[in-house]
Amino acid sequence: MKKYVIEGFEHSPGKNCGSTSLWNLAKFYGNNIEEHNIFGLASGLLFFYMKNGFGGAEYSIGGRNPLLIKDFFENTGINKEWETYNYFPKDKIKKYIDEKVPVLARTDLYYLPYYPKPVHFPGHELVIFGYEETKDGTTFIVSDSSFHEPQKVSEKDLANAMDPPEKVIAFFELENHIMPVEEFYVKFDRESIIKSISKVVFRMLKVGQDFMGLKAMRKFADTIELWVESKNTSWTLRFAYQVIERRGTGGGSFRFMYSDFLKDSSKIIGGKEGEILKEAGEIIFKSAEKWRQLALILKELSEKPKVEKEDMQIPKKLASEIYLLEKESFEKIEHILG
């Protein structure tokens, strides 16, 4: 049996699949930075709200930028793009690993066998950093944020995860996306901070469509009681709880992580602008606490035999309060950007 693992690559579990993958890669190349700052530099925060979205729920919400990895490299001045293939690029992945270059990959975790009760979740990112050759084929060794130890996945399962036989609604279609990541240096400075928060502010305040940003958050607050009319109300409520509090969010729909990023960034920016960033981070922390409170109520409601519109009044109130907090926070940050 031939086995090759990139020496020096250390897997650590983390809070979010994308930011953890970038964090592990950053550490491998000698960067001393915490995951929440990777997440912030990647313009990681967002909000979207869709009917008949992903996860099999009739209404879907999300709090993370699906272009997080691309934005991270762009915001920090590194020229990196996803490669796409119309076939499973097994030999290319192995070649990069032989050259000691870890490989980022996008997957639908439904096809990753080490998840015990998977649902379709396209855009789940991981790092491939080793492989084994056996009589049954190639087994890849991956760093996945949800697990304390590296995981092994057969070439067949990884191929299905990277180009799923069953396509589901997502912001992009999975097409064997890989990104070999050579040595890089993370710039955590004024320029990268301003670039990263500019994208978040634009997407939250300025995007015209009502499925993204504060417009979507307002729509979410205005229509959440309609969830009781879903074909599967229980799963819609439970899935919302999961994507707010459990599924790689760091809790509070990613807002705890982003609050920490704004706090650390305020020290780098300094002066009056730094004070504004710090205040904005404190408001986002309050929003995160309300997101957590909302998630736990949705979980509790998901366990009821029948949910009525009256049951949704507290969630509706919390969603409205979250909207006002985030509007205040991002309008504060907008003043820094001019």
C-alpha atoms as a PDB file:
ATOM      1  CA  MET A   1       0.000   0.000   0.000  1.00  0.00           C
ATOM      2  CA  LYS A   2       1.353   3.397  -1.002  1.00  0.00           C
ATOM      3  CA  LYS A   3       0.563   6.220   1.413  1.00  0.00           C
ATOM      4  CA  TYR A   4       1.492   9.863   1.119  1.00  0.00           C
ATOM      5  CA  VAL A   5       0.581  12.591   3.600  1.00  0.00           C
ATOM      6  CA  ILE A   6       1.906  16.145   3.376  1.00  0.00           C
ATOM      7  CA  GLU A   7       4.392  16.451   6.217  1.00  0.00           C
ATOM      8  CA  GLY A   8       3.714  19.327   8.584  1.00  0.00           C
ATOM      9  CA  PHE A   9       0.052  19.780   7.700  1.00  0.00           C
ATOM     10  CA  GLU A  10      -1.824  19.673  10.999  1.00  0.00           C
ATOM     11  CA  HIS A  11      -5.572  19.214  11.071  1.00  0.00           C
ATOM     12  CA  SER A  12      -7.523  21.187  13.659  1.00  0.00           C
ATOM     13  CA  PRO A  13     -11.316  21.171  13.971  1.00  0.00           C
ATOM     14  CA  GLY A  14     -12.988  24.548  13.832  1.00  0.00           C
ATOM     15  CA  LYS A  15     -16.200  26.505  13.617  1.00  0.00           C
ATOM     16  CA  ASN A  16     -16.902  26.757   9.883  1.00  0.00           C
ATOM     17  CA  CYS A  17     -15.837  24.515   7.027  1.00  0.00           C
ATOM     18  CA  GLY A  18     -14.451  27.293   4.822  1.00  0.00           C
ATOM     19  CA  SER A  19     -12.730  29.421   7.438  1.00  0.00           C
ATOM     20  CA  THR A  20     -11.353  26.335   9.218  1.00  0.00           C
ATOM     21  CA  SER A  21      -9.916  25.025   5.952  1.00  0.00           C
ATOM     22  CA  LEU A  22      -8.244  28.384   5.299  1.00  0.00           C
ATOM     23  CA  TRP A  23      -7.063  28.568   8.914  1.00  0.00           C
ATOM     24  CA  ASN A  24      -5.415  25.126   8.718  1.00  0.00           C
ATOM     25  CA  LEU A  25      -3.754  26.102   5.442  1.00  0.00           C
ATOM     26  CA  ALA A  26      -2.600  29.420   6.913  1.00  0.00           C
ATOM     27  CA  LYS A  27      -1.048  27.649   9.912  1.00  0.00           C
ATOM     28  CA  PHE A  28       0.670  25.145   7.609  1.00  0.00           C
ATOM     29  CA  TYR A  29       2.421  28.051   5.901  1.00  0.00           C
ATOM     30  CA  GLY A  30       3.463  29.696   9.169  1.00  0.00           C
ATOM     31  CA  ASN A  31       0.741  32.332   9.578  1.00  0.00           C
ATOM     32  CA  ASN A  32      -0.245  33.146  13.155  1.00  0.00           C
ATOM     33  CA  ILE A  33      -3.913  34.123  12.897  1.00  0.00           C
ATOM     34  CA  GLU A  34      -7.152  32.972  14.508  1.00  0.00           C
ATOM     35  CA  GLU A  35     -10.092  31.467  12.653  1.00  0.00           C
ATOM     36  CA  HIS A  36     -12.489  34.334  13.362  1.00  0.00           C
ATOM     37  CA  ASN A  37     -10.094  36.746  11.671  1.00  0.00           C
ATOM     38  CA  ILE A  38      -9.807  34.439   8.654  1.00  0.00           C
ATOM     39  CA  PHE A  39     -13.617  34.452   8.543  1.00  0.00           C
ATOM     40  CA  GLY A  40     -13.747  38.239   8.735  1.00  0.00           C
ATOM     41  CA  LEU A  41     -11.049  38.785   6.110  1.00  0.00           C
ATOM     42  CA  ALA A  42     -13.078  36.487   3.847  1.00  0.00           C
ATOM     43  CA  SER A  43     -16.120  38.797   4.056  1.00  0.00           C
ATOM     44  CA  GLY A  44     -17.715  35.782   5.673  1.00  0.00           C
ATOM     45  CA  LEU A  45     -20.872  37.362   7.054  1.00  0.00           C
ATOM     46  CA  LEU A  46     -24.082  37.528   5.041  1.00  0.00           C
ATOM     47  CA  PHE A  47     -27.789  36.807   5.304  1.00  0.00           C
ATOM     48  CA  PHE A  48     -30.014  35.144   2.744  1.00  0.00           C
ATOM     49  CA  TYR A  49     -33.582  33.883   2.783  1.00  0.00           C
ATOM     50  CA  MET A  50     -35.126  31.628   0.154  1.00  0.00           C
ATOM     51  CA  LYS A  51     -38.283  29.643  -0.392  1.00  0.00           C
ATOM     52  CA  ASN A  52     -37.664  26.042  -1.448  1.00  0.00           C
ATOM     53  CA  GLY A  53     -33.972  26.450  -0.796  1.00  0.00           C
ATOM     54  CA  PHE A  54     -31.383  23.889   0.234  1.00  0.00           C
ATOM     55  CA  GLY A  55     -31.533  21.207   2.908  1.00  0.00           C
ATOM     56  CA  GLY A  56     -35.022  20.048   1.974  1.00  0.00           C
ATOM     57  CA  ALA A  57     -36.638  22.855   3.986  1.00  0.00           C
ATOM     58  CA  GLU A  58     -39.487  24.840   2.448  1.00  0.00           C
ATOM     59  CA  TYR A  59     -37.920  28.064   3.747  1.00  0.00           C
ATOM     60  CA  SER A  60     -34.142  28.347   4.083  1.00  0.00           C
ATOM     61  CA  ILE A  61     -31.997  30.944   5.795  1.00  0.00           C
ATOM     62  CA  GLY A  62     -28.246  31.286   5.907  1.00  0.00           C
ATOM     63  CA  GLY A  63     -25.683  33.563   7.498  1.00  0.00           C
ATOM     64  CA  ARG A  64     -22.497  32.906   5.524  1.00  0.00           C
ATOM     65  CA  ASN A  65     -21.034  34.180   2.288  1.00  0.00           C
ATOM     66  CA  PRO A  66     -20.875  31.219  -0.149  1.00  0.00           C
ATOM     67  CA  LEU A  67     -17.907  32.878  -1.909  1.00  0.00           C
ATOM     68  CA  LEU A  68     -15.906  33.022   1.318  1.00  0.00           C
ATOM     69  CA  ILE A  69     -12.756  31.321   0.015  1.00  0.00           C
ATOM     70  CA  LYS A  70     -12.533  33.349  -3.191  1.00  0.00           C
ATOM     71  CA  ASP A  71     -13.126  36.567  -1.232  1.00  0.00           C
ATOM     72  CA  PHE A  72     -10.466  35.683   1.350  1.00  0.00           C
ATOM     73  CA  PHE A  73      -7.722  35.444  -1.252  1.00  0.00           C
ATOM     74  CA  GLU A  74      -8.974  38.483  -3.152  1.00  0.00           C
ATOM     75  CA  ASN A  75      -9.220  40.643  -0.006  1.00  0.00           C
ATOM     76  CA  THR A  76      -5.715  39.705   1.128  1.00  0.00           C
ATOM     77  CA  GLY A  77      -4.130  40.350  -2.272  1.00  0.00           C
ATOM     78  CA  ILE A  78      -3.530  36.739  -3.311  1.00  0.00           C
ATOM     79  CA  ASN A  79      -4.341  35.589  -6.847  1.00  0.00           C
ATOM     80  CA  LYS A  80      -6.224  32.306  -6.446  1.00  0.00           C
ATOM     81  CA  GLU A  81      -9.209  30.891  -8.341  1.00  0.00           C
ATOM     82  CA  TRP A  82     -11.192  27.668  -8.201  1.00  0.00           C
ATOM     83  CA  GLU A  83     -10.372  25.164 -10.942  1.00  0.00           C
ATOM     84  CA  THR A  84     -13.312  23.234 -12.428  1.00  0.00           C
ATOM     85  CA  TYR A  85     -13.293  19.979 -14.378  1.00  0.00           C
ATOM     86  CA  ASN A  86     -15.831  17.894 -16.289  1.00  0.00           C
ATOM     87  CA  TYR A  87     -14.308  14.787 -14.696  1.00  0.00           C
ATOM     88  CA  PHE A  88     -13.083  13.832 -11.226  1.00  0.00           C
ATOM     89  CA  PRO A  89      -9.474  15.165 -11.197  1.00  0.00           C
ATOM     90  CA  LYS A  90      -8.003  12.324  -9.150  1.00  0.00           C
ATOM     91  CA  ASP A  91      -4.574  12.379 -10.783  1.00  0.00           C
ATOM     92  CA  LYS A  92      -4.279  16.169 -10.502  1.00  0.00           C
ATOM     93  CA  ILE A  93      -5.105  16.037  -6.786  1.00  0.00           C
ATOM     94  CA  LYS A  94      -2.520  13.291  -6.227  1.00  0.00           C
ATOM     95  CA  LYS A  95       0.096  15.227  -8.206  1.00  0.00           C
ATOM     96  CA  TYR A  96      -0.414  18.334  -6.056  1.00  0.00           C
ATOM     97  CA  ILE A  97      -0.147  16.262  -2.882  1.00  0.00           C
ATOM     98  CA  ASP A  98       3.046  14.619  -4.191  1.00  0.00           C
ATOM     99  CA  GLU A  99       4.375  18.165  -4.627  1.00  0.00           C
ATOM    100  CA  LYS A 100       3.430  18.967  -0.994  1.00  0.00           C
ATOM    101  CA  VAL A 101       0.593  21.300  -2.048  1.00  0.00           C
ATOM    102  CA  PRO A 102      -2.686  20.826  -0.105  1.00  0.00           C
ATOM    103  CA  VAL A 103      -5.872  20.988  -2.161  1.00  0.00           C
ATOM    104  CA  LEU A 104      -9.114  22.735  -1.223  1.00  0.00           C
ATOM    105  CA  ALA A 105     -12.268  21.055  -2.521  1.00  0.00           C
ATOM    106  CA  ARG A 106     -15.971  21.909  -2.576  1.00  0.00           C
ATOM    107  CA  THR A 107     -18.384  19.100  -1.789  1.00  0.00           C
ATOM    108  CA  ASP A 108     -21.948  18.163  -0.971  1.00  0.00           C
ATOM    109  CA  LEU A 109     -21.510  16.564   2.453  1.00  0.00           C
ATOM    110  CA  TYR A 110     -24.470  14.239   1.771  1.00  0.00           C
ATOM    111  CA  TYR A 111     -22.020  11.990  -0.106  1.00  0.00           C
ATOM    112  CA  LEU A 112     -19.279  12.007   2.547  1.00  0.00           C
ATOM    113  CA  PRO A 113     -19.743   8.682   4.381  1.00  0.00           C
ATOM    114  CA  TYR A 114     -18.248   9.832   7.671  1.00  0.00           C
ATOM    115  CA  TYR A 115     -21.290  12.070   8.309  1.00  0.00           C
ATOM    116  CA  PRO A 116     -23.775   9.863  10.218  1.00  0.00           C
ATOM    117  CA  LYS A 117     -27.062  11.585   9.264  1.00  0.00           C
ATOM    118  CA  PRO A 118     -26.309  13.797   6.287  1.00  0.00           C
ATOM    119  CA  VAL A 119     -28.594  16.116   4.371  1.00  0.00           C
ATOM    120  CA  HIS A 120     -27.715  17.778   1.085  1.00  0.00           C
ATOM    121  CA  PHE A 121     -25.399  20.669   1.906  1.00  0.00           C
ATOM    122  CA  PRO A 122     -23.559  21.819  -1.239  1.00  0.00           C
ATOM    123  CA  GLY A 123     -20.552  24.082  -0.883  1.00  0.00           C
ATOM    124  CA  HIS A 124     -19.031  22.220   2.083  1.00  0.00           C
ATOM    125  CA  GLU A 125     -15.300  22.908   1.869  1.00  0.00           C
ATOM    126  CA  LEU A 126     -12.449  20.705   3.045  1.00  0.00           C
ATOM    127  CA  VAL A 127      -8.707  20.213   2.504  1.00  0.00           C
ATOM    128  CA  ILE A 128      -7.261  17.113   0.844  1.00  0.00           C
ATOM    129  CA  PHE A 129      -3.737  16.571   2.171  1.00  0.00           C
ATOM    130  CA  GLY A 130      -2.979  12.896   1.666  1.00  0.00           C
ATOM    131  CA  TYR A 131      -3.912   9.671  -0.079  1.00  0.00           C
ATOM    132  CA  GLU A 132      -3.473   5.914   0.102  1.00  0.00           C
ATOM    133  CA  GLU A 133      -3.305   3.478  -2.804  1.00  0.00           C
ATOM    134  CA  THR A 134      -4.802   0.045  -2.168  1.00  0.00           C
ATOM    135  CA  LYS A 135      -6.002  -2.811  -4.353  1.00  0.00           C
ATOM    136  CA  ASP A 136      -9.470  -1.227  -4.181  1.00  0.00           C
ATOM    137  CA  GLY A 137      -8.309   2.156  -5.498  1.00  0.00           C
ATOM    138  CA  THR A 138      -7.373   5.505  -3.993  1.00  0.00           C
ATOM    139  CA  THR A 139      -8.501   6.659  -0.569  1.00  0.00           C
ATOM    140  CA  PHE A 140      -8.061  10.354   0.161  1.00  0.00           C
ATOM    141  CA  ILE A 141      -7.186  11.843   3.563  1.00  0.00           C
ATOM    142  CA  VAL A 142      -9.062  15.043   4.283  1.00  0.00           C
ATOM    143  CA  SER A 143      -9.221  17.785   6.887  1.00  0.00           C
ATOM    144  CA  ASP A 144     -12.894  18.467   7.681  1.00  0.00           C
ATOM    145  CA  SER A 145     -13.783  21.133  10.242  1.00  0.00           C
ATOM    146  CA  SER A 146     -16.458  19.045  11.978  1.00  0.00           C
ATOM    147  CA  PHE A 147     -14.111  16.286  13.172  1.00  0.00           C
ATOM    148  CA  HIS A 148     -11.259  16.094  15.661  1.00  0.00           C
ATOM    149  CA  GLU A 149      -9.253  13.724  13.467  1.00  0.00           C
ATOM    150  CA  PRO A 150      -8.570  13.628   9.712  1.00  0.00           C
ATOM    151  CA  GLN A 151     -11.086  11.559   7.760  1.00  0.00           C
ATOM    152  CA  LYS A 152     -10.662   9.053   4.940  1.00  0.00           C
ATOM    153  CA  VAL A 153     -12.897   8.986   1.890  1.00  0.00           C
ATOM    154  CA  SER A 154     -12.805   6.691  -1.141  1.00  0.00           C
ATOM    155  CA  GLU A 155     -12.289   8.138  -4.600  1.00  0.00           C
ATOM    156  CA  LYS A 156     -15.843   7.070  -5.528  1.00  0.00           C
ATOM    157  CA  ASP A 157     -17.400   8.884  -2.563  1.00  0.00           C
ATOM    158  CA  LEU A 158     -15.240  11.975  -3.046  1.00  0.00           C
ATOM    159  CA  ALA A 159     -16.099  12.045  -6.753  1.00  0.00           C
ATOM    160  CA  ASN A 160     -19.815  11.935  -5.919  1.00  0.00           C
ATOM    161  CA  ALA A 161     -19.390  14.650  -3.284  1.00  0.00           C
ATOM    162  CA  MET A 162     -17.537  16.954  -5.695  1.00  0.00           C
ATOM    163  CA  ASP A 163     -19.904  16.405  -8.642  1.00  0.00           C
ATOM    164  CA  PRO A 164     -23.136  15.095  -7.108  1.00  0.00           C
ATOM    165  CA  PRO A 165     -25.383  12.779  -9.127  1.00  0.00           C
ATOM    166  CA  GLU A 166     -28.353  14.620  -7.598  1.00  0.00           C
ATOM    167  CA  LYS A 167     -28.180  18.388  -8.021  1.00  0.00           C
ATOM    168  CA  VAL A 168     -29.798  20.582  -5.370  1.00  0.00           C
ATOM    169  CA  ILE A 169     -30.469  24.320  -5.199  1.00  0.00           C
ATOM    170  CA  ALA A 170     -27.362  26.308  -4.275  1.00  0.00           C
ATOM    171  CA  PHE A 171     -25.577  29.537  -5.168  1.00  0.00           C
ATOM    172  CA  PHE A 172     -23.376  27.573  -7.561  1.00  0.00           C
ATOM    173  CA  GLU A 173     -23.360  24.109  -9.092  1.00  0.00           C
ATOM    174  CA  LEU A 174     -20.650  21.746  -7.897  1.00  0.00           C
ATOM    175  CA  GLU A 175     -18.395  20.860 -10.823  1.00  0.00           C
ATOM    176  CA  ASN A 176     -15.287  19.192  -9.410  1.00  0.00           C
ATOM    177  CA  HIS A 177     -14.012  22.422  -7.854  1.00  0.00           C
ATOM    178  CA  ILE A 178     -10.470  22.222  -6.529  1.00  0.00           C
ATOM    179  CA  MET A 179      -7.952  24.858  -5.490  1.00  0.00           C
ATOM    180  CA  PRO A 180      -4.324  23.854  -4.942  1.00  0.00           C
ATOM    181  CA  VAL A 181      -2.951  26.242  -2.324  1.00  0.00           C
ATOM    182  CA  GLU A 182       0.730  27.070  -2.448  1.00  0.00           C
ATOM    183  CA  GLU A 183       2.525  29.052   0.264  1.00  0.00           C
ATOM    184  CA  PHE A 184       0.857  32.366   1.123  1.00  0.00           C
ATOM    185  CA  TYR A 185       1.111  35.144   3.681  1.00  0.00           C
ATOM    186  CA  VAL A 186      -2.040  36.518   5.339  1.00  0.00           C
ATOM    187  CA  LYS A 187      -2.173  40.309   5.350  1.00  0.00           C
ATOM    188  CA  PHE A 188      -4.222  41.402   8.360  1.00  0.00           C
ATOM    189  CA  ASP A 189      -3.875  45.151   7.961  1.00  0.00           C
ATOM    190  CA  ARG A 190      -5.931  48.246   7.246  1.00  0.00           C
ATOM    191  CA  GLU A 191      -6.162  47.553   3.516  1.00  0.00           C
ATOM    192  CA  SER A 192      -7.399  43.970   3.865  1.00  0.00           C
ATOM    193  CA  ILE A 193      -9.823  44.923   6.653  1.00  0.00           C
ATOM    194  CA  ILE A 194     -11.386  47.750   4.621  1.00  0.00           C
ATOM    195  CA  LYS A 195     -11.688  45.520   1.534  1.00  0.00           C
ATOM    196  CA  SER A 196     -13.349  42.755   3.503  1.00  0.00           C
ATOM    197  CA  ILE A 197     -15.847  44.876   5.426  1.00  0.00           C
ATOM    198  CA  SER A 198     -16.708  46.879   2.285  1.00  0.00           C
ATOM    199  CA  LYS A 199     -18.062  43.736   0.640  1.00  0.00           C
ATOM    200  CA  VAL A 200     -20.093  42.788   3.699  1.00  0.00           C
ATOM    201  CA  VAL A 201     -21.574  46.279   4.027  1.00  0.00           C
ATOM    202  CA  PHE A 202     -22.465  46.375   0.321  1.00  0.00           C
ATOM    203  CA  ARG A 203     -24.140  42.968   0.419  1.00  0.00           C
ATOM    204  CA  MET A 204     -26.045  43.710   3.610  1.00  0.00           C
ATOM    205  CA  LEU A 205     -27.137  47.286   2.795  1.00  0.00           C
ATOM    206  CA  LYS A 206     -27.028  47.836  -0.960  1.00  0.00           C
ATOM    207  CA  VAL A 207     -27.962  44.653  -2.851  1.00  0.00           C
ATOM    208  CA  GLY A 208     -31.260  45.152  -4.664  1.00  0.00           C
ATOM    209  CA  GLN A 209     -32.609  41.587  -4.526  1.00  0.00           C
ATOM    210  CA  ASP A 210     -34.809  40.659  -1.589  1.00  0.00           C
ATOM    211  CA  PHE A 211     -33.170  37.270  -0.968  1.00  0.00           C
ATOM    212  CA  MET A 212     -29.948  38.783   0.405  1.00  0.00           C
ATOM    213  CA  GLY A 213     -28.886  41.284   3.035  1.00  0.00           C
ATOM    214  CA  LEU A 214     -31.124  43.457   5.174  1.00  0.00           C
ATOM    215  CA  LYS A 215     -33.950  43.333   2.629  1.00  0.00           C
ATOM    216  CA  ALA A 216     -34.006  39.569   3.059  1.00  0.00           C
ATOM    217  CA  MET A 217     -33.805  39.937   6.837  1.00  0.00           C
ATOM    218  CA  ARG A 218     -36.814  42.262   6.811  1.00  0.00           C
ATOM    219  CA  LYS A 219     -38.703  39.783   4.621  1.00  0.00           C
ATOM    220  CA  PHE A 220     -37.715  36.968   6.986  1.00  0.00           C
ATOM    221  CA  ALA A 221     -39.119  38.858   9.977  1.00  0.00           C
ATOM    222  CA  ASP A 222     -42.297  39.749   8.083  1.00  0.00           C
ATOM    223  CA  THR A 223     -43.054  36.221   6.857  1.00  0.00           C
ATOM    224  CA  ILE A 224     -41.691  33.796   9.449  1.00  0.00           C
ATOM    225  CA  GLU A 225     -45.176  32.967  10.748  1.00  0.00           C
ATOM    226  CA  LEU A 226     -45.981  31.535   7.283  1.00  0.00           C
ATOM    227  CA  TRP A 227     -43.581  28.700   8.042  1.00  0.00           C
ATOM    228  CA  VAL A 228     -46.411  26.958   9.905  1.00  0.00           C
ATOM    229  CA  GLU A 229     -48.071  26.390   6.507  1.00  0.00           C
ATOM    230  CA  SER A 230     -45.072  24.414   5.221  1.00  0.00           C
ATOM    231  CA  LYS A 231     -45.546  20.829   4.084  1.00  0.00           C
ATOM    232  CA  ASN A 232     -42.994  19.852   6.712  1.00  0.00           C
ATOM    233  CA  THR A 233     -43.082  22.586   9.335  1.00  0.00           C
ATOM    234  CA  SER A 234     -41.064  20.553  11.821  1.00  0.00           C
ATOM    235  CA  TRP A 235     -38.091  20.135   9.476  1.00  0.00           C
ATOM    236  CA  THR A 236     -38.228  23.764   8.276  1.00  0.00           C
ATOM    237  CA  LEU A 237     -37.992  24.921  11.901  1.00  0.00           C
ATOM    238  CA  ARG A 238     -35.359  22.383  12.900  1.00  0.00           C
ATOM    239  CA  PHE A 239     -33.177  23.021   9.868  1.00  0.00           C
ATOM    240  CA  ALA A 240     -33.292  26.764  10.596  1.00  0.00           C
ATOM    241  CA  TYR A 241     -32.136  26.020  14.151  1.00  0.00           C
ATOM    242  CA  GLN A 242     -29.286  23.918  12.774  1.00  0.00           C
ATOM    243  CA  VAL A 243     -28.044  26.482  10.250  1.00  0.00           C
ATOM    244  CA  ILE A 244     -28.163  29.225  12.886  1.00  0.00           C
ATOM    245  CA  GLU A 245     -26.546  27.399  15.765  1.00  0.00           C
ATOM    246  CA  ARG A 246     -24.991  24.091  14.780  1.00  0.00           C
ATOM    247  CA  ARG A 247     -23.927  23.525  11.196  1.00  0.00           C
ATOM    248  CA  GLY A 248     -20.511  25.142  11.188  1.00  0.00           C
ATOM    249  CA  THR A 249     -21.600  28.607  12.276  1.00  0.00           C
ATOM    250  CA  GLY A 250     -19.677  29.126  15.495  1.00  0.00           C
ATOM    251  CA  GLY A 251     -23.104  29.859  17.003  1.00  0.00           C
ATOM    252  CA  GLY A 252     -25.422  32.810  16.532  1.00  0.00           C
ATOM    253  CA  SER A 253     -25.495  32.527  12.723  1.00  0.00           C
ATOM    254  CA  PHE A 254     -21.751  33.291  12.430  1.00  0.00           C
ATOM    255  CA  ARG A 255     -22.238  36.582  14.288  1.00  0.00           C
ATOM    256  CA  PHE A 256     -20.092  35.642  17.302  1.00  0.00           C
ATOM    257  CA  MET A 257     -17.143  35.048  14.963  1.00  0.00           C
ATOM    258  CA  TYR A 258     -17.718  38.283  13.076  1.00  0.00           C
ATOM    259  CA  SER A 259     -18.038  40.255  16.301  1.00  0.00           C
ATOM    260  CA  ASP A 260     -14.605  38.982  17.385  1.00  0.00           C
ATOM    261  CA  PHE A 261     -13.167  39.951  13.994  1.00  0.00           C
ATOM    262  CA  LEU A 262     -14.505  43.507  14.277  1.00  0.00           C
ATOM    263  CA  LYS A 263     -13.091  43.790  17.801  1.00  0.00           C
ATOM    264  CA  ASP A 264      -9.615  42.673  16.675  1.00  0.00           C
ATOM    265  CA  SER A 265      -9.798  44.844  13.550  1.00  0.00           C
ATOM    266  CA  SER A 266     -10.646  47.912  15.627  1.00  0.00           C
ATOM    267  CA  LYS A 267      -7.229  47.663  17.304  1.00  0.00           C
ATOM    268  CA  ILE A 268      -5.480  47.639  13.928  1.00  0.00           C
ATOM    269  CA  ILE A 269      -7.540  50.494  12.474  1.00  0.00           C
ATOM    270  CA  GLY A 270      -7.251  52.608  15.628  1.00  0.00           C
ATOM    271  CA  GLY A 271      -8.503  56.122  16.322  1.00  0.00           C
ATOM    272  CA  LYS A 272     -12.119  57.181  15.840  1.00  0.00           C
ATOM    273  CA  GLU A 273     -12.624  54.643  13.054  1.00  0.00           C
ATOM    274  CA  GLY A 274     -11.402  51.895  15.352  1.00  0.00           C
ATOM    275  CA  GLU A 275     -13.878  52.979  18.014  1.00  0.00           C
ATOM    276  CA  ILE A 276     -16.713  52.792  15.482  1.00  0.00           C
ATOM    277  CA  LEU A 277     -15.654  49.273  14.462  1.00  0.00           C
ATOM    278  CA  LYS A 278     -15.527  48.228  18.103  1.00  0.00           C
ATOM    279  CA  GLU A 279     -19.035  49.602  18.701  1.00  0.00           C
ATOM    280  CA  ALA A 280     -20.302  47.853  15.559  1.00  0.00           C
ATOM    281  CA  GLY A 281     -18.790  44.600  16.819  1.00  0.00           C
ATOM    282  CA  GLU A 282     -20.554  44.986  20.164  1.00  0.00           C
ATOM    283  CA  ILE A 283     -23.879  45.425  18.358  1.00  0.00           C
ATOM    284  CA  ILE A 284     -23.221  42.335  16.227  1.00  0.00           C
ATOM    285  CA  PHE A 285     -22.510  40.426  19.447  1.00  0.00           C
ATOM    286  CA  LYS A 286     -25.975  41.420  20.699  1.00  0.00           C
ATOM    287  CA  SER A 287     -27.393  40.246  17.386  1.00  0.00           C
ATOM    288  CA  ALA A 288     -25.573  36.910  17.793  1.00  0.00           C
ATOM    289  CA  GLU A 289     -27.147  36.425  21.212  1.00  0.00           C
ATOM    290  CA  LYS A 290     -30.599  37.032  19.737  1.00  0.00           C
ATOM    291  CA  TRP A 291     -29.873  34.646  16.857  1.00  0.00           C
ATOM    292  CA  ARG A 292     -28.978  31.991  19.432  1.00  0.00           C
ATOM    293  CA  GLN A 293     -32.172  32.699  21.375  1.00  0.00           C
ATOM    294  CA  LEU A 294     -34.200  32.460  18.156  1.00  0.00           C
ATOM    295  CA  ALA A 295     -32.538  29.178  17.189  1.00  0.00           C
ATOM    296  CA  LEU A 296     -33.345  27.524  20.504  1.00  0.00           C
ATOM    297  CA  ILE A 297     -36.994  28.592  20.271  1.00  0.00           C
ATOM    298  CA  LEU A 298     -37.225  27.207  16.717  1.00  0.00           C
ATOM    299  CA  LYS A 299     -35.743  23.922  17.915  1.00  0.00           C
ATOM    300  CA  GLU A 300     -38.317  23.739  20.715  1.00  0.00           C
ATOM    301  CA  LEU A 301     -41.173  24.509  18.307  1.00  0.00           C
ATOM    302  CA  SER A 302     -39.931  21.858  15.868  1.00  0.00           C
ATOM    303  CA  GLU A 303     -40.675  19.229  18.516  1.00  0.00           C
ATOM    304  CA  LYS A 304     -44.328  20.235  18.908  1.00  0.00           C
ATOM    305  CA  PRO A 305     -46.974  18.058  17.206  1.00  0.00           C
ATOM    306  CA  LYS A 306     -48.549  21.160  15.646  1.00  0.00           C
ATOM    307  CA  VAL A 307     -47.276  24.720  15.418  1.00  0.00           C
ATOM    308  CA  GLU A 308     -49.713  27.622  15.128  1.00  0.00           C
ATOM    309  CA  LYS A 309     -49.099  31.161  13.846  1.00  0.00           C
ATOM    310  CA  GLU A 310     -49.418  32.406  17.428  1.00  0.00           C
ATOM    311  CA  ASP A 311     -46.393  30.264  18.349  1.00  0.00           C
ATOM    312  CA  MET A 312     -44.310  32.232  15.853  1.00  0.00           C
ATOM    313  CA  GLN A 313     -44.851  35.651  17.413  1.00  0.00           C
ATOM    314  CA  ILE A 314     -41.772  35.484  19.662  1.00  0.00           C
ATOM    315  CA  PRO A 315     -39.560  34.320  16.755  1.00  0.00           C
ATOM    316  CA  LYS A 316     -41.054  37.138  14.656  1.00  0.00           C
ATOM    317  CA  LYS A 317     -40.223  39.693  17.363  1.00  0.00           C
ATOM    318  CA  LEU A 318     -36.666  38.382  17.698  1.00  0.00           C
ATOM    319  CA  ALA A 319     -36.152  38.464  13.920  1.00  0.00           C
ATOM    320  CA  SER A 320     -37.300  42.098  13.863  1.00  0.00           C
ATOM    321  CA  GLU A 321     -34.927  42.986  16.710  1.00  0.00           C
ATOM    322  CA  ILE A 322     -32.057  41.272  14.882  1.00  0.00           C
ATOM    323  CA  TYR A 323     -32.862  43.288  11.753  1.00  0.00           C
ATOM    324  CA  LEU A 324     -32.684  46.572  13.679  1.00  0.00           C
ATOM    325  CA  LEU A 325     -29.410  45.646  15.391  1.00  0.00           C
ATOM    326  CA  GLU A 326     -27.701  44.633  12.166  1.00  0.00           C
ATOM    327  CA  LYS A 327     -29.000  47.699  10.342  1.00  0.00           C
ATOM    328  CA  GLU A 328     -27.495  49.874  13.094  1.00  0.00           C
ATOM    329  CA  SER A 329     -24.183  48.008  13.024  1.00  0.00           C
ATOM    330  CA  PHE A 330     -23.646  48.063   9.268  1.00  0.00           C
ATOM    331  CA  GLU A 331     -24.728  51.676   8.928  1.00  0.00           C
ATOM    332  CA  LYS A 332     -22.079  52.535  11.547  1.00  0.00           C
ATOM    333  CA  ILE A 333     -19.433  50.663   9.566  1.00  0.00           C
ATOM    334  CA  GLU A 334     -20.561  52.376   6.355  1.00  0.00           C
ATOM    335  CA  HIS A 335     -19.463  55.736   7.831  1.00  0.00           C
ATOM    336  CA  ILE A 336     -15.872  54.462   7.959  1.00  0.00           C
ATOM    337  CA  LEU A 337     -15.967  53.569   4.279  1.00  0.00           C
ATOM    338  CA  GLY A 338     -17.116  57.028   3.189  1.00  0.00           C
END
